[in-house]
Amino acid sequence: NTRETTAESVIAPSGQARLPMSFVLLLDRSGSMAAHTEEVRAAAHSFLDALPENASCSVGAFSEGNASYREAEGFGVRLPCRASSFSLEGLDDAEGGTNLYMPLESAYHWLSRGNRGTHQRLVIVITDGVLNQALGREQLVRDAKGNIRTFVYHVGGQEERFLSSIADHYL
């Protein structure tokens, strides 16, 4: 008699209430990622479809400045999270330098507001890991992170030195 394991049963055993979950998916669309747009899109859609039904998510893309979560670019906030809700067409505009710290700090603040502070919280970053702007913000980002888990999925490269003090896991 084999028991099938699903995402729901892994998160909470049958009959137990599941904690609400909030995720932020940050996608690197800097110039160094231009050749990897389809890989990033496929990885992002895989992550989104793997999330349980009780997960809300915010999906944005970053390069210079803060992340864009504009629905017109195929990003935004949804409950439940499903890949079909996000076209991610804004990834096609990959250009400029990489500034991950400002978008990451904003994501941590968003996850800490309101009732999300009681949720299971996770940030997933898809990047090549090469940062070249706002490096002085690292301590502010670490302070904002608190106990929010951060996973980095490397596409196109694997530079870890700028993320080593922030990332909990690398994929």
N, C-alpha and C. Protein backbone atom coordinates (compact mmCIF):
# COMPACT_ATOMS: atom_id res chain seq x y z
N ASN A 1 0.85 -1.17 0.00
CA ASN A 1 0.00 0.00 0.00
C ASN A 1 0.90 1.24 0.00
N THR A 2 1.05 1.88 -1.12
CA THR A 2 1.88 3.08 -1.21
C THR A 2 1.03 4.31 -1.08
N ARG A 3 1.58 5.29 -0.45
CA ARG A 3 0.88 6.55 -0.24
C ARG A 3 1.48 7.59 -1.16
N GLU A 4 0.64 8.25 -1.93
CA GLU A 4 1.13 9.28 -2.84
C GLU A 4 1.37 10.57 -2.06
N THR A 5 2.52 11.19 -2.29
CA THR A 5 2.85 12.44 -1.62
C THR A 5 2.65 13.60 -2.59
N THR A 6 1.90 14.59 -2.16
CA THR A 6 1.66 15.78 -2.98
C THR A 6 2.28 16.98 -2.28
N ALA A 7 2.31 18.11 -2.99
CA ALA A 7 2.84 19.35 -2.38
C ALA A 7 2.05 19.68 -1.12
N GLU A 8 0.73 19.47 -1.15
CA GLU A 8 -0.09 19.79 0.02
C GLU A 8 0.27 18.91 1.21
N SER A 9 0.46 17.60 0.97
CA SER A 9 0.75 16.72 2.10
C SER A 9 2.14 16.93 2.66
N VAL A 10 3.06 17.41 1.84
CA VAL A 10 4.40 17.71 2.33
C VAL A 10 4.37 18.94 3.23
N ILE A 11 3.56 19.91 2.86
CA ILE A 11 3.51 21.15 3.62
C ILE A 11 2.74 20.98 4.92
N ALA A 12 1.63 20.23 4.89
CA ALA A 12 0.88 19.96 6.11
C ALA A 12 0.24 18.59 5.98
N PRO A 13 0.43 17.74 6.97
CA PRO A 13 -0.19 16.42 6.92
C PRO A 13 -1.70 16.54 6.80
N SER A 14 -2.31 15.58 6.21
CA SER A 14 -3.75 15.56 6.01
C SER A 14 -4.48 15.84 7.33
N GLY A 15 -5.48 16.71 7.25
CA GLY A 15 -6.27 17.04 8.43
C GLY A 15 -5.73 18.19 9.26
N GLN A 16 -4.53 18.67 8.98
CA GLN A 16 -3.98 19.80 9.72
C GLN A 16 -4.13 21.08 8.91
N ALA A 17 -4.37 22.16 9.58
CA ALA A 17 -4.46 23.45 8.91
C ALA A 17 -3.08 23.84 8.38
N ARG A 18 -3.06 24.35 7.18
CA ARG A 18 -1.81 24.78 6.59
C ARG A 18 -1.62 26.28 6.82
N LEU A 19 -0.40 26.66 7.15
CA LEU A 19 -0.10 28.08 7.29
C LEU A 19 -0.20 28.75 5.94
N PRO A 20 -0.70 29.98 5.90
CA PRO A 20 -0.68 30.72 4.64
C PRO A 20 0.77 30.95 4.23
N MET A 21 0.99 31.05 2.93
CA MET A 21 2.34 31.22 2.41
C MET A 21 2.39 32.44 1.51
N SER A 22 3.50 33.17 1.59
CA SER A 22 3.73 34.32 0.72
C SER A 22 5.12 34.19 0.12
N PHE A 23 5.18 34.34 -1.19
CA PHE A 23 6.42 34.22 -1.93
C PHE A 23 6.67 35.47 -2.76
N VAL A 24 7.93 35.78 -2.95
CA VAL A 24 8.33 36.80 -3.92
C VAL A 24 9.29 36.11 -4.87
N LEU A 25 9.01 36.22 -6.16
CA LEU A 25 9.88 35.68 -7.19
C LEU A 25 10.50 36.87 -7.91
N LEU A 26 11.81 37.03 -7.77
CA LEU A 26 12.54 38.14 -8.39
C LEU A 26 13.36 37.60 -9.56
N LEU A 27 13.17 38.19 -10.74
CA LEU A 27 13.82 37.72 -11.95
C LEU A 27 14.79 38.76 -12.48
N ASP A 28 16.00 38.35 -12.69
CA ASP A 28 17.05 39.24 -13.20
C ASP A 28 16.84 39.47 -14.69
N ARG A 29 16.65 40.73 -15.08
CA ARG A 29 16.54 41.05 -16.50
C ARG A 29 17.58 42.11 -16.90
N SER A 30 18.74 42.02 -16.26
CA SER A 30 19.85 42.90 -16.62
C SER A 30 20.45 42.44 -17.95
N GLY A 31 21.32 43.24 -18.51
CA GLY A 31 21.93 42.93 -19.80
C GLY A 31 22.63 41.59 -19.85
N SER A 32 23.26 41.19 -18.74
CA SER A 32 23.98 39.90 -18.73
C SER A 32 23.04 38.70 -18.83
N MET A 33 21.75 38.93 -18.64
CA MET A 33 20.77 37.83 -18.70
C MET A 33 20.04 37.77 -20.03
N ALA A 34 20.32 38.68 -20.96
CA ALA A 34 19.58 38.76 -22.22
C ALA A 34 19.57 37.44 -22.99
N ALA A 35 20.66 36.71 -22.98
CA ALA A 35 20.74 35.45 -23.71
C ALA A 35 20.03 34.31 -22.99
N HIS A 36 19.53 34.56 -21.79
CA HIS A 36 18.94 33.50 -20.97
C HIS A 36 17.46 33.73 -20.67
N THR A 37 16.82 34.60 -21.43
CA THR A 37 15.43 34.97 -21.16
C THR A 37 14.50 33.76 -21.13
N GLU A 38 14.62 32.88 -22.09
CA GLU A 38 13.72 31.72 -22.14
C GLU A 38 13.99 30.76 -20.99
N GLU A 39 15.25 30.61 -20.59
CA GLU A 39 15.58 29.77 -19.43
C GLU A 39 14.96 30.34 -18.16
N VAL A 40 15.06 31.67 -17.99
CA VAL A 40 14.50 32.33 -16.82
C VAL A 40 12.98 32.16 -16.81
N ARG A 41 12.34 32.37 -17.95
CA ARG A 41 10.89 32.24 -18.05
C ARG A 41 10.46 30.80 -17.68
N ALA A 42 11.15 29.81 -18.24
CA ALA A 42 10.80 28.41 -17.96
C ALA A 42 11.01 28.08 -16.48
N ALA A 43 12.11 28.52 -15.90
CA ALA A 43 12.37 28.26 -14.48
C ALA A 43 11.32 28.94 -13.60
N ALA A 44 10.98 30.18 -13.92
CA ALA A 44 9.98 30.91 -13.15
C ALA A 44 8.63 30.21 -13.21
N HIS A 45 8.21 29.81 -14.39
CA HIS A 45 6.93 29.12 -14.53
C HIS A 45 6.93 27.79 -13.77
N SER A 46 8.05 27.08 -13.76
CA SER A 46 8.14 25.83 -13.00
C SER A 46 7.98 26.08 -11.50
N PHE A 47 8.66 27.11 -10.99
CA PHE A 47 8.52 27.45 -9.57
C PHE A 47 7.07 27.80 -9.24
N LEU A 48 6.45 28.64 -10.07
CA LEU A 48 5.09 29.08 -9.79
C LEU A 48 4.10 27.92 -9.79
N ASP A 49 4.24 27.01 -10.72
CA ASP A 49 3.32 25.88 -10.77
C ASP A 49 3.55 24.87 -9.66
N ALA A 50 4.72 24.92 -9.02
CA ALA A 50 5.01 24.00 -7.92
C ALA A 50 4.47 24.50 -6.58
N LEU A 51 4.04 25.76 -6.52
CA LEU A 51 3.56 26.32 -5.26
C LEU A 51 2.19 25.77 -4.90
N PRO A 52 1.92 25.58 -3.62
CA PRO A 52 0.62 25.06 -3.20
C PRO A 52 -0.49 26.09 -3.40
N GLU A 53 -1.72 25.62 -3.35
CA GLU A 53 -2.90 26.48 -3.59
C GLU A 53 -3.02 27.62 -2.59
N ASN A 54 -2.50 27.47 -1.39
CA ASN A 54 -2.65 28.51 -0.38
C ASN A 54 -1.53 29.55 -0.44
N ALA A 55 -0.76 29.55 -1.52
CA ALA A 55 0.36 30.48 -1.64
C ALA A 55 -0.04 31.71 -2.43
N SER A 56 0.24 32.87 -1.86
CA SER A 56 0.13 34.11 -2.62
C SER A 56 1.54 34.46 -3.07
N CYS A 57 1.64 35.15 -4.18
CA CYS A 57 2.98 35.48 -4.65
C CYS A 57 3.00 36.84 -5.33
N SER A 58 4.19 37.37 -5.33
CA SER A 58 4.48 38.61 -6.03
C SER A 58 5.64 38.29 -6.97
N VAL A 59 5.47 38.60 -8.26
CA VAL A 59 6.48 38.30 -9.26
C VAL A 59 6.94 39.61 -9.89
N GLY A 60 8.25 39.83 -9.88
CA GLY A 60 8.81 41.05 -10.47
C GLY A 60 10.14 40.78 -11.13
N ALA A 61 10.58 41.75 -11.91
CA ALA A 61 11.88 41.64 -12.59
C ALA A 61 12.69 42.88 -12.27
N PHE A 62 14.01 42.71 -12.20
CA PHE A 62 14.88 43.81 -11.81
C PHE A 62 16.07 43.92 -12.75
N SER A 63 16.60 45.10 -12.82
CA SER A 63 17.91 45.39 -13.42
C SER A 63 18.42 46.59 -12.64
N GLU A 64 18.32 47.77 -13.22
CA GLU A 64 18.71 48.99 -12.49
C GLU A 64 17.49 49.55 -11.78
N GLY A 65 17.68 50.17 -10.64
CA GLY A 65 16.56 50.71 -9.89
C GLY A 65 15.83 49.62 -9.14
N ASN A 66 14.53 49.85 -8.87
CA ASN A 66 13.76 48.87 -8.13
C ASN A 66 13.11 47.89 -9.08
N ALA A 67 12.56 46.82 -8.58
CA ALA A 67 11.91 45.81 -9.42
C ALA A 67 10.59 46.34 -9.95
N SER A 68 10.21 45.84 -11.13
CA SER A 68 8.91 46.14 -11.70
C SER A 68 7.98 44.98 -11.42
N TYR A 69 6.79 45.30 -10.94
CA TYR A 69 5.75 44.30 -10.70
C TYR A 69 4.54 44.61 -11.58
N ARG A 70 4.76 45.36 -12.64
CA ARG A 70 3.67 45.85 -13.49
C ARG A 70 2.98 44.70 -14.22
N GLU A 71 1.65 44.67 -14.11
CA GLU A 71 0.87 43.65 -14.81
C GLU A 71 1.02 43.77 -16.32
N ALA A 72 1.20 44.99 -16.82
CA ALA A 72 1.37 45.19 -18.26
C ALA A 72 2.62 44.49 -18.79
N GLU A 73 3.56 44.16 -17.90
CA GLU A 73 4.77 43.45 -18.30
C GLU A 73 4.69 41.95 -18.00
N GLY A 74 3.53 41.51 -17.52
CA GLY A 74 3.34 40.10 -17.22
C GLY A 74 3.75 39.70 -15.83
N PHE A 75 3.85 40.68 -14.92
CA PHE A 75 4.23 40.43 -13.54
C PHE A 75 3.03 40.71 -12.64
N GLY A 76 3.23 40.88 -11.32
CA GLY A 76 2.14 41.26 -10.43
C GLY A 76 2.06 40.42 -9.19
N VAL A 77 0.88 40.48 -8.52
CA VAL A 77 0.62 39.76 -7.27
C VAL A 77 -0.63 38.91 -7.50
N ARG A 78 -0.57 37.64 -7.09
CA ARG A 78 -1.69 36.73 -7.30
C ARG A 78 -1.86 35.76 -6.12
N LEU A 79 -3.09 35.32 -5.92
CA LEU A 79 -3.44 34.23 -5.02
C LEU A 79 -4.54 33.45 -5.73
N PRO A 80 -4.36 32.21 -6.03
CA PRO A 80 -3.14 31.42 -5.90
C PRO A 80 -2.16 31.74 -7.03
N CYS A 81 -0.96 31.30 -6.84
CA CYS A 81 0.10 31.50 -7.85
C CYS A 81 0.00 30.39 -8.88
N ARG A 82 -0.07 30.76 -10.12
CA ARG A 82 -0.03 29.82 -11.22
C ARG A 82 0.73 30.46 -12.37
N ALA A 83 1.53 29.68 -13.04
CA ALA A 83 2.33 30.20 -14.16
C ALA A 83 1.44 30.84 -15.22
N SER A 84 0.26 30.30 -15.43
CA SER A 84 -0.64 30.83 -16.45
C SER A 84 -1.08 32.27 -16.16
N SER A 85 -0.91 32.73 -14.94
CA SER A 85 -1.28 34.10 -14.56
C SER A 85 -0.19 35.11 -14.89
N PHE A 86 0.99 34.64 -15.31
CA PHE A 86 2.13 35.53 -15.53
C PHE A 86 2.77 35.24 -16.89
N SER A 87 2.64 36.18 -17.82
CA SER A 87 3.27 35.98 -19.14
C SER A 87 4.78 36.23 -19.08
N LEU A 88 5.21 37.06 -18.15
CA LEU A 88 6.63 37.41 -17.97
C LEU A 88 7.23 38.04 -19.22
N GLU A 89 6.40 38.67 -20.04
CA GLU A 89 6.91 39.27 -21.28
C GLU A 89 7.89 40.41 -21.03
N GLY A 90 7.86 41.02 -19.86
CA GLY A 90 8.82 42.07 -19.52
C GLY A 90 10.25 41.59 -19.45
N LEU A 91 10.46 40.27 -19.40
CA LEU A 91 11.82 39.73 -19.41
C LEU A 91 12.52 40.00 -20.74
N ASP A 92 11.73 40.19 -21.78
CA ASP A 92 12.30 40.43 -23.10
C ASP A 92 13.01 41.78 -23.19
N ASP A 93 12.84 42.63 -22.19
CA ASP A 93 13.47 43.95 -22.16
C ASP A 93 14.77 43.93 -21.36
N ALA A 94 15.49 42.81 -21.37
CA ALA A 94 16.72 42.68 -20.58
C ALA A 94 17.77 43.66 -21.07
N GLU A 95 18.23 44.51 -20.13
CA GLU A 95 19.28 45.48 -20.43
C GLU A 95 19.72 46.15 -19.14
N GLY A 96 20.82 46.86 -19.21
CA GLY A 96 21.31 47.63 -18.07
C GLY A 96 22.10 46.80 -17.09
N GLY A 97 22.47 47.47 -16.00
CA GLY A 97 23.26 46.85 -14.95
C GLY A 97 22.38 46.09 -13.98
N THR A 98 23.02 45.47 -13.00
CA THR A 98 22.30 44.65 -12.03
C THR A 98 22.30 45.32 -10.67
N ASN A 99 21.12 45.56 -10.15
CA ASN A 99 20.96 46.10 -8.82
C ASN A 99 19.97 45.21 -8.09
N LEU A 100 20.44 44.16 -7.46
CA LEU A 100 19.57 43.23 -6.75
C LEU A 100 19.22 43.71 -5.35
N TYR A 101 20.10 44.45 -4.70
CA TYR A 101 19.89 44.78 -3.30
C TYR A 101 18.64 45.62 -3.06
N MET A 102 18.37 46.62 -3.88
CA MET A 102 17.16 47.43 -3.67
C MET A 102 15.89 46.60 -3.85
N PRO A 103 15.74 45.82 -4.94
CA PRO A 103 14.54 44.99 -5.07
C PRO A 103 14.41 43.95 -3.97
N LEU A 104 15.52 43.38 -3.53
CA LEU A 104 15.49 42.39 -2.47
C LEU A 104 15.05 43.01 -1.15
N GLU A 105 15.57 44.19 -0.85
CA GLU A 105 15.16 44.88 0.37
C GLU A 105 13.67 45.19 0.33
N SER A 106 13.16 45.65 -0.80
CA SER A 106 11.72 45.92 -0.95
C SER A 106 10.89 44.66 -0.78
N ALA A 107 11.37 43.54 -1.33
CA ALA A 107 10.65 42.28 -1.19
C ALA A 107 10.56 41.87 0.27
N TYR A 108 11.64 42.01 1.02
CA TYR A 108 11.62 41.67 2.44
C TYR A 108 10.64 42.55 3.20
N HIS A 109 10.61 43.83 2.88
CA HIS A 109 9.67 44.74 3.55
C HIS A 109 8.23 44.34 3.22
N TRP A 110 7.94 44.01 1.95
CA TRP A 110 6.60 43.61 1.54
C TRP A 110 6.17 42.35 2.30
N LEU A 111 7.07 41.39 2.42
CA LEU A 111 6.75 40.15 3.11
C LEU A 111 6.57 40.34 4.61
N SER A 112 7.05 41.43 5.16
CA SER A 112 6.95 41.69 6.60
C SER A 112 5.74 42.53 6.97
N ARG A 113 5.04 43.07 5.99
CA ARG A 113 3.89 43.94 6.26
C ARG A 113 2.61 43.15 6.50
N GLY A 114 1.74 43.74 7.29
CA GLY A 114 0.41 43.18 7.52
C GLY A 114 0.45 41.77 8.07
N ASN A 115 -0.52 40.98 7.65
CA ASN A 115 -0.59 39.61 8.16
C ASN A 115 0.44 38.69 7.52
N ARG A 116 1.17 39.13 6.50
CA ARG A 116 2.20 38.29 5.89
C ARG A 116 3.30 37.95 6.89
N GLY A 117 3.44 38.75 7.94
CA GLY A 117 4.44 38.46 8.96
C GLY A 117 4.20 37.14 9.68
N THR A 118 2.96 36.63 9.62
CA THR A 118 2.64 35.34 10.24
C THR A 118 2.66 34.20 9.23
N HIS A 119 2.92 34.49 7.97
CA HIS A 119 2.95 33.47 6.92
C HIS A 119 4.32 32.79 6.86
N GLN A 120 4.36 31.65 6.20
CA GLN A 120 5.64 31.11 5.75
C GLN A 120 6.07 32.02 4.61
N ARG A 121 7.30 32.51 4.66
CA ARG A 121 7.73 33.52 3.67
C ARG A 121 9.03 33.07 3.00
N LEU A 122 9.08 33.34 1.69
CA LEU A 122 10.22 32.90 0.91
C LEU A 122 10.43 33.84 -0.27
N VAL A 123 11.70 34.15 -0.54
CA VAL A 123 12.08 34.88 -1.74
C VAL A 123 12.89 33.93 -2.61
N ILE A 124 12.52 33.86 -3.88
CA ILE A 124 13.25 33.08 -4.87
C ILE A 124 13.81 34.06 -5.87
N VAL A 125 15.12 34.04 -6.07
CA VAL A 125 15.78 34.94 -7.02
C VAL A 125 16.36 34.09 -8.14
N ILE A 126 16.05 34.47 -9.38
CA ILE A 126 16.66 33.81 -10.53
C ILE A 126 17.59 34.82 -11.16
N THR A 127 18.90 34.51 -11.15
CA THR A 127 19.92 35.47 -11.56
C THR A 127 21.20 34.75 -11.97
N ASP A 128 22.12 35.51 -12.56
CA ASP A 128 23.47 34.97 -12.77
C ASP A 128 24.37 35.35 -11.59
N GLY A 129 23.84 36.17 -10.69
CA GLY A 129 24.55 36.49 -9.45
C GLY A 129 25.55 37.62 -9.55
N VAL A 130 25.71 38.21 -10.74
CA VAL A 130 26.69 39.28 -10.92
C VAL A 130 26.03 40.61 -10.58
N LEU A 131 26.45 41.21 -9.48
CA LEU A 131 25.90 42.50 -9.06
C LEU A 131 26.92 43.59 -9.32
N ASN A 132 26.44 44.73 -9.76
CA ASN A 132 27.38 45.82 -10.01
C ASN A 132 26.87 47.17 -9.57
N GLN A 133 25.81 47.21 -8.79
CA GLN A 133 25.29 48.49 -8.32
C GLN A 133 24.78 48.37 -6.89
N ALA A 134 24.84 49.47 -6.16
CA ALA A 134 24.29 49.59 -4.80
C ALA A 134 24.84 48.55 -3.84
N LEU A 135 26.11 48.20 -3.98
CA LEU A 135 26.70 47.19 -3.11
C LEU A 135 26.73 47.64 -1.64
N GLY A 136 26.70 48.95 -1.41
CA GLY A 136 26.71 49.47 -0.05
C GLY A 136 25.43 49.18 0.72
N ARG A 137 24.39 48.67 0.06
CA ARG A 137 23.10 48.37 0.70
C ARG A 137 23.06 46.98 1.34
N GLU A 138 24.12 46.21 1.23
CA GLU A 138 24.09 44.82 1.69
C GLU A 138 23.63 44.71 3.14
N GLN A 139 24.15 45.53 4.04
CA GLN A 139 23.77 45.44 5.45
C GLN A 139 22.29 45.78 5.64
N LEU A 140 21.78 46.78 4.93
CA LEU A 140 20.36 47.13 5.02
C LEU A 140 19.49 45.95 4.58
N VAL A 141 19.93 45.26 3.55
CA VAL A 141 19.19 44.10 3.05
C VAL A 141 19.21 42.98 4.08
N ARG A 142 20.35 42.72 4.67
CA ARG A 142 20.44 41.67 5.70
C ARG A 142 19.55 42.01 6.89
N ASP A 143 19.51 43.28 7.28
CA ASP A 143 18.66 43.70 8.39
C ASP A 143 17.17 43.50 8.06
N ALA A 144 16.78 43.82 6.82
CA ALA A 144 15.38 43.68 6.40
C ALA A 144 14.98 42.22 6.26
N LYS A 145 15.92 41.35 5.96
CA LYS A 145 15.65 39.93 5.71
C LYS A 145 15.03 39.23 6.91
N GLY A 146 15.54 39.48 8.09
CA GLY A 146 15.03 38.80 9.27
C GLY A 146 15.07 37.30 9.08
N ASN A 147 13.94 36.63 9.31
CA ASN A 147 13.89 35.17 9.18
C ASN A 147 13.27 34.71 7.87
N ILE A 148 13.21 35.58 6.88
CA ILE A 148 12.67 35.22 5.58
C ILE A 148 13.70 34.40 4.82
N ARG A 149 13.30 33.23 4.35
CA ARG A 149 14.20 32.35 3.62
C ARG A 149 14.42 32.89 2.22
N THR A 150 15.64 32.71 1.71
CA THR A 150 15.99 33.21 0.37
C THR A 150 16.71 32.12 -0.40
N PHE A 151 16.16 31.79 -1.56
CA PHE A 151 16.75 30.81 -2.45
C PHE A 151 17.22 31.52 -3.71
N VAL A 152 18.40 31.18 -4.18
CA VAL A 152 18.93 31.75 -5.41
C VAL A 152 19.07 30.62 -6.42
N TYR A 153 18.44 30.80 -7.57
CA TYR A 153 18.54 29.85 -8.67
C TYR A 153 19.41 30.50 -9.74
N HIS A 154 20.56 29.90 -9.99
CA HIS A 154 21.50 30.49 -10.95
C HIS A 154 21.21 30.05 -12.37
N VAL A 155 21.10 31.03 -13.25
CA VAL A 155 20.95 30.80 -14.69
C VAL A 155 21.98 31.69 -15.38
N GLY A 156 22.73 31.15 -16.29
CA GLY A 156 23.68 31.95 -17.06
C GLY A 156 25.01 32.20 -16.39
N GLY A 157 25.18 31.79 -15.19
CA GLY A 157 26.42 32.01 -14.45
C GLY A 157 26.19 31.63 -13.00
N GLN A 158 27.22 31.71 -12.20
CA GLN A 158 27.05 31.31 -10.79
C GLN A 158 27.99 32.12 -9.90
N GLU A 159 27.76 33.40 -9.85
CA GLU A 159 28.55 34.28 -8.99
C GLU A 159 27.85 34.34 -7.63
N GLU A 160 28.49 33.80 -6.59
CA GLU A 160 27.86 33.73 -5.27
C GLU A 160 28.38 34.76 -4.29
N ARG A 161 29.48 35.42 -4.57
CA ARG A 161 30.10 36.25 -3.53
C ARG A 161 29.21 37.40 -3.08
N PHE A 162 28.38 37.95 -3.96
CA PHE A 162 27.53 39.07 -3.55
C PHE A 162 26.28 38.60 -2.81
N LEU A 163 25.96 37.32 -2.90
CA LEU A 163 24.76 36.80 -2.29
C LEU A 163 25.03 35.88 -1.11
N SER A 164 26.29 35.63 -0.81
CA SER A 164 26.63 34.65 0.22
C SER A 164 26.11 35.02 1.61
N SER A 165 25.98 36.30 1.91
CA SER A 165 25.51 36.69 3.24
C SER A 165 23.98 36.79 3.30
N ILE A 166 23.31 36.59 2.18
CA ILE A 166 21.85 36.73 2.12
C ILE A 166 21.15 35.42 1.80
N ALA A 167 21.67 34.67 0.86
CA ALA A 167 21.03 33.45 0.41
C ALA A 167 21.12 32.34 1.45
N ASP A 168 19.99 31.64 1.62
CA ASP A 168 19.98 30.47 2.50
C ASP A 168 20.35 29.22 1.73
N HIS A 169 20.00 29.20 0.46
CA HIS A 169 20.25 28.03 -0.38
C HIS A 169 20.49 28.49 -1.82
N TYR A 170 21.26 27.70 -2.53
CA TYR A 170 21.49 27.92 -3.97
C TYR A 170 20.96 26.72 -4.72
N LEU A 171 20.36 26.96 -5.85
CA LEU A 171 19.87 25.88 -6.70
C LEU A 171 20.56 25.96 -8.04
